[in-house]
Amino acid sequence: MKTILVMFIMIVSLWVTPALTQAQDEKARFHETPGGFHFGLSEKIELANTVKYLVPFSHDEATLVGTGLCYGPFFSAQVGGRWIADFLAGCALGAVSSTGENAATGGFDIINLLGIQFGLEVDAEHRKPFFTFGINLLGLGEQLLK
C-alpha cells in the first residue's frame, strides 16, 4: 500500500510540476524576479543517488550508513536568485552498520541547506525511526555555480 502511495505521489508531481513551472515562466515574463527571499515550488524535481548517516532515536543502537535514491525536492528557497535550500524529498535507502545490523528504510529529507541534508527515515520491518544526515558537496557546487 505504501509503495502504491509513493508511486501515486510521484506520478502526480510529474504531471503537476510542468504545468506549474510553465505558469511561473509566463508570470516571470511580465514581472522581474524579486531580489529578496523567495520560497516556492522547486524548478526541477529529479531522482538522485545519495549517501546518508542514519542515527537511531535511541542512543544504545548503532549508527547506520545508507545509500539509495531520493526523489525531489518539491520546494526550494532562494535569496536574490541564488539557491540556498531545498525542502521535502522522498527517499528510500538501504543501510548497514559497522556491527552488521542492516535496514531498508523509507522517509523524507526535510531540508537540504547549502548541501547539508537532514531528514527522517523509518525501518518499516522493525518499526525503528532514524534521523538522517548527509553532505552533498557536488550538489552544493552545482547549485552555487548557476
C-alpha atoms as a PDB file:
ATOM      1  CA  MET A   1       0.000   0.000   0.000  1.00  0.00           C
ATOM      2  CA  LYS A   2       2.846   2.417   0.867  1.00  0.00           C
ATOM      3  CA  THR A   3       4.553   1.649  -2.451  1.00  0.00           C
ATOM      4  CA  ILE A   4       1.373   2.438  -4.351  1.00  0.00           C
ATOM      5  CA  LEU A   5       1.001   5.714  -2.435  1.00  0.00           C
ATOM      6  CA  VAL A   6       4.612   6.751  -3.191  1.00  0.00           C
ATOM      7  CA  MET A   7       4.168   5.884  -6.874  1.00  0.00           C
ATOM      8  CA  PHE A   8       0.915   7.888  -6.988  1.00  0.00           C
ATOM      9  CA  ILE A   9       2.621  10.939  -5.437  1.00  0.00           C
ATOM     10  CA  MET A  10       5.498  10.687  -7.930  1.00  0.00           C
ATOM     11  CA  ILE A  11       3.122  10.462 -10.895  1.00  0.00           C
ATOM     12  CA  VAL A  12       1.033  13.413  -9.690  1.00  0.00           C
ATOM     13  CA  SER A  13       4.133  15.546  -9.113  1.00  0.00           C
ATOM     14  CA  LEU A  14       5.462  14.709 -12.604  1.00  0.00           C
ATOM     15  CA  TRP A  15       2.126  15.793 -14.048  1.00  0.00           C
ATOM     16  CA  VAL A  16       1.610  18.921 -11.933  1.00  0.00           C
ATOM     17  CA  THR A  17       5.164  20.342 -11.907  1.00  0.00           C
ATOM     18  CA  PRO A  18       5.471  21.148 -15.657  1.00  0.00           C
ATOM     19  CA  ALA A  19       2.117  22.953 -15.627  1.00  0.00           C
ATOM     20  CA  LEU A  20       3.075  24.997 -12.571  1.00  0.00           C
ATOM     21  CA  THR A  21       6.548  25.869 -13.863  1.00  0.00           C
ATOM     22  CA  GLN A  22       5.068  26.910 -17.212  1.00  0.00           C
ATOM     23  CA  ALA A  23       2.674  29.237 -15.382  1.00  0.00           C
ATOM     24  CA  GLN A  24       5.586  30.632 -13.338  1.00  0.00           C
ATOM     25  CA  ASP A  25       7.616  31.175 -16.545  1.00  0.00           C
ATOM     26  CA  GLU A  26       4.755  33.137 -18.104  1.00  0.00           C
ATOM     27  CA  LYS A  27       4.381  35.182 -14.925  1.00  0.00           C
ATOM     28  CA  ALA A  28       8.141  35.858 -14.864  1.00  0.00           C
ATOM     29  CA  ARG A  29       7.980  37.355 -18.365  1.00  0.00           C
ATOM     30  CA  PHE A  30       5.810  40.177 -17.070  1.00  0.00           C
ATOM     31  CA  HIS A  31       7.455  40.677 -13.687  1.00  0.00           C
ATOM     32  CA  GLU A  32      11.044  40.984 -12.721  1.00  0.00           C
ATOM     33  CA  THR A  33      12.304  38.423 -10.218  1.00  0.00           C
ATOM     34  CA  PRO A  34      12.424  40.000  -6.749  1.00  0.00           C
ATOM     35  CA  GLY A  35      15.889  40.484  -5.304  1.00  0.00           C
ATOM     36  CA  GLY A  36      14.966  39.263  -1.812  1.00  0.00           C
ATOM     37  CA  PHE A  37      13.957  35.937  -0.305  1.00  0.00           C
ATOM     38  CA  HIS A  38      11.795  33.607  -2.415  1.00  0.00           C
ATOM     39  CA  PHE A  39      10.183  30.308  -1.384  1.00  0.00           C
ATOM     40  CA  GLY A  40       8.156  28.171  -3.795  1.00  0.00           C
ATOM     41  CA  LEU A  41       7.823  25.009  -5.845  1.00  0.00           C
ATOM     42  CA  SER A  42      11.118  23.567  -6.961  1.00  0.00           C
ATOM     43  CA  GLU A  43      12.055  24.291 -10.563  1.00  0.00           C
ATOM     44  CA  LYS A  44      13.492  20.819 -11.054  1.00  0.00           C
ATOM     45  CA  ILE A  45      12.358  17.567  -9.432  1.00  0.00           C
ATOM     46  CA  GLU A  46      14.632  14.607 -10.101  1.00  0.00           C
ATOM     47  CA  LEU A  47      15.704  11.192  -8.867  1.00  0.00           C
ATOM     48  CA  ALA A  48      19.198  11.318  -7.356  1.00  0.00           C
ATOM     49  CA  ASN A  49      21.624   8.908  -5.686  1.00  0.00           C
ATOM     50  CA  THR A  50      22.501   9.761  -2.109  1.00  0.00           C
ATOM     51  CA  VAL A  51      24.620   8.575   0.821  1.00  0.00           C
ATOM     52  CA  LYS A  52      23.490   9.336   4.380  1.00  0.00           C
ATOM     53  CA  TYR A  53      24.147   8.522   8.020  1.00  0.00           C
ATOM     54  CA  LEU A  54      21.124   7.085   9.834  1.00  0.00           C
ATOM     55  CA  VAL A  55      21.215   7.849  13.553  1.00  0.00           C
ATOM     56  CA  PRO A  56      18.658   5.910  15.657  1.00  0.00           C
ATOM     57  CA  PHE A  57      16.454   7.749  18.139  1.00  0.00           C
ATOM     58  CA  SER A  58      17.707   5.514  20.981  1.00  0.00           C
ATOM     59  CA  HIS A  59      21.365   6.116  21.859  1.00  0.00           C
ATOM     60  CA  ASP A  60      22.219   2.469  22.604  1.00  0.00           C
ATOM     61  CA  GLU A  61      21.866   1.352  18.964  1.00  0.00           C
ATOM     62  CA  ALA A  62      24.455   1.604  16.193  1.00  0.00           C
ATOM     63  CA  THR A  63      24.532   4.357  13.587  1.00  0.00           C
ATOM     64  CA  LEU A  64      23.981   3.057  10.067  1.00  0.00           C
ATOM     65  CA  VAL A  65      25.380   4.279   6.774  1.00  0.00           C
ATOM     66  CA  GLY A  66      22.874   4.128   3.957  1.00  0.00           C
ATOM     67  CA  THR A  67      22.726   4.638   0.228  1.00  0.00           C
ATOM     68  CA  GLY A  68      19.765   4.856  -2.074  1.00  0.00           C
ATOM     69  CA  LEU A  69      17.590   7.181  -4.082  1.00  0.00           C
ATOM     70  CA  CYS A  70      15.783  10.403  -3.251  1.00  0.00           C
ATOM     71  CA  TYR A  71      13.016  11.900  -5.386  1.00  0.00           C
ATOM     72  CA  GLY A  72      12.509  15.615  -5.171  1.00  0.00           C
ATOM     73  CA  PRO A  73      12.858  18.260  -3.854  1.00  0.00           C
ATOM     74  CA  PHE A  74       9.345  19.625  -4.010  1.00  0.00           C
ATOM     75  CA  PHE A  75      10.101  23.131  -2.664  1.00  0.00           C
ATOM     76  CA  SER A  76      13.110  25.444  -2.735  1.00  0.00           C
ATOM     77  CA  ALA A  77      14.268  28.771  -1.303  1.00  0.00           C
ATOM     78  CA  GLN A  78      16.398  31.434  -2.934  1.00  0.00           C
ATOM     79  CA  VAL A  79      17.894  34.762  -1.966  1.00  0.00           C
ATOM     80  CA  GLY A  80      18.485  37.206  -4.788  1.00  0.00           C
ATOM     81  CA  GLY A  81      18.107  34.434  -7.364  1.00  0.00           C
ATOM     82  CA  ARG A  82      20.727  32.202  -5.659  1.00  0.00           C
ATOM     83  CA  TRP A  83      19.703  28.810  -4.291  1.00  0.00           C
ATOM     84  CA  ILE A  84      20.061  28.310  -0.528  1.00  0.00           C
ATOM     85  CA  ALA A  85      17.790  25.382   0.419  1.00  0.00           C
ATOM     86  CA  ASP A  86      15.567  22.564  -0.849  1.00  0.00           C
ATOM     87  CA  PHE A  87      12.691  21.056   1.110  1.00  0.00           C
ATOM     88  CA  LEU A  88      10.909  17.674   1.137  1.00  0.00           C
ATOM     89  CA  ALA A  89      12.395  14.896  -0.957  1.00  0.00           C
ATOM     90  CA  GLY A  90      11.126  11.320  -0.642  1.00  0.00           C
ATOM     91  CA  CYS A  91      13.925   8.813  -0.022  1.00  0.00           C
ATOM     92  CA  ALA A  92      14.406   5.038   0.019  1.00  0.00           C
ATOM     93  CA  LEU A  93      17.694   3.820   1.496  1.00  0.00           C
ATOM     94  CA  GLY A  94      19.423   0.542   2.221  1.00  0.00           C
ATOM     95  CA  ALA A  95      21.676   0.879   5.276  1.00  0.00           C
ATOM     96  CA  VAL A  96      24.188  -1.152   7.270  1.00  0.00           C
ATOM     97  CA  SER A  97      26.121  -0.544  10.499  1.00  0.00           C
ATOM     98  CA  SER A  98      29.701  -1.455  11.402  1.00  0.00           C
ATOM     99  CA  THR A  99      28.277  -4.245  13.608  1.00  0.00           C
ATOM    100  CA  GLY A 100      26.398  -5.814  10.683  1.00  0.00           C
ATOM    101  CA  GLU A 101      22.919  -4.527  11.527  1.00  0.00           C
ATOM    102  CA  ASN A 102      21.021  -3.645   8.347  1.00  0.00           C
ATOM    103  CA  ALA A 103      17.766  -1.979   7.389  1.00  0.00           C
ATOM    104  CA  ALA A 104      15.741  -0.964   4.366  1.00  0.00           C
ATOM    105  CA  THR A 105      14.224   2.424   5.135  1.00  0.00           C
ATOM    106  CA  GLY A 106      11.868   4.943   3.632  1.00  0.00           C
ATOM    107  CA  GLY A 107      11.218   8.534   4.579  1.00  0.00           C
ATOM    108  CA  PHE A 108      11.864  12.168   3.732  1.00  0.00           C
ATOM    109  CA  ASP A 109      14.720  14.601   3.530  1.00  0.00           C
ATOM    110  CA  ILE A 110      13.195  17.569   5.284  1.00  0.00           C
ATOM    111  CA  ILE A 111      15.826  20.135   4.290  1.00  0.00           C
ATOM    112  CA  ASN A 112      18.954  20.410   2.191  1.00  0.00           C
ATOM    113  CA  LEU A 113      20.505  23.652   3.420  1.00  0.00           C
ATOM    114  CA  LEU A 114      23.609  24.589   1.407  1.00  0.00           C
ATOM    115  CA  GLY A 115      24.341  20.903   0.760  1.00  0.00           C
ATOM    116  CA  ILE A 116      23.784  19.724   4.347  1.00  0.00           C
ATOM    117  CA  GLN A 117      20.815  17.354   4.380  1.00  0.00           C
ATOM    118  CA  PHE A 118      18.598  16.401   7.320  1.00  0.00           C
ATOM    119  CA  GLY A 119      15.632  14.055   7.321  1.00  0.00           C
ATOM    120  CA  LEU A 120      13.686  11.234   8.905  1.00  0.00           C
ATOM    121  CA  GLU A 121      13.653   7.579   7.844  1.00  0.00           C
ATOM    122  CA  VAL A 122      11.737   4.593   9.193  1.00  0.00           C
ATOM    123  CA  ASP A 123      12.660   0.912   9.051  1.00  0.00           C
ATOM    124  CA  ALA A 124       9.145  -0.422   8.470  1.00  0.00           C
ATOM    125  CA  GLU A 125      10.065  -4.035   9.239  1.00  0.00           C
ATOM    126  CA  HIS A 126      11.347  -3.296  12.757  1.00  0.00           C
ATOM    127  CA  ARG A 127       9.370  -0.040  13.314  1.00  0.00           C
ATOM    128  CA  LYS A 128      12.569   1.867  14.086  1.00  0.00           C
ATOM    129  CA  PRO A 129      12.854   5.590  13.256  1.00  0.00           C
ATOM    130  CA  PHE A 130      16.131   7.268  12.298  1.00  0.00           C
ATOM    131  CA  PHE A 131      17.398  10.824  11.901  1.00  0.00           C
ATOM    132  CA  THR A 132      19.334  11.149   8.653  1.00  0.00           C
ATOM    133  CA  PHE A 133      22.303  13.371   7.943  1.00  0.00           C
ATOM    134  CA  GLY A 134      24.231  13.804   4.716  1.00  0.00           C
ATOM    135  CA  ILE A 135      26.520  16.244   2.940  1.00  0.00           C
ATOM    136  CA  ASN A 136      26.221  16.820  -0.787  1.00  0.00           C
ATOM    137  CA  LEU A 137      29.255  18.880  -1.820  1.00  0.00           C
ATOM    138  CA  LEU A 138      28.817  18.179  -5.537  1.00  0.00           C
ATOM    139  CA  GLY A 139      25.185  19.295  -5.413  1.00  0.00           C
ATOM    140  CA  LEU A 140      26.168  22.415  -3.494  1.00  0.00           C
ATOM    141  CA  GLY A 141      28.856  23.299  -6.014  1.00  0.00           C
ATOM    142  CA  GLU A 142      26.490  22.711  -8.919  1.00  0.00           C
ATOM    143  CA  GLN A 143      23.834  24.978  -7.387  1.00  0.00           C
ATOM    144  CA  LEU A 144      26.234  27.782  -6.465  1.00  0.00           C
ATOM    145  CA  LEU A 145      27.726  27.859  -9.964  1.00  0.00           C
ATOM    146  CA  LYS A 146      24.347  28.605 -11.569  1.00  0.00           C
END
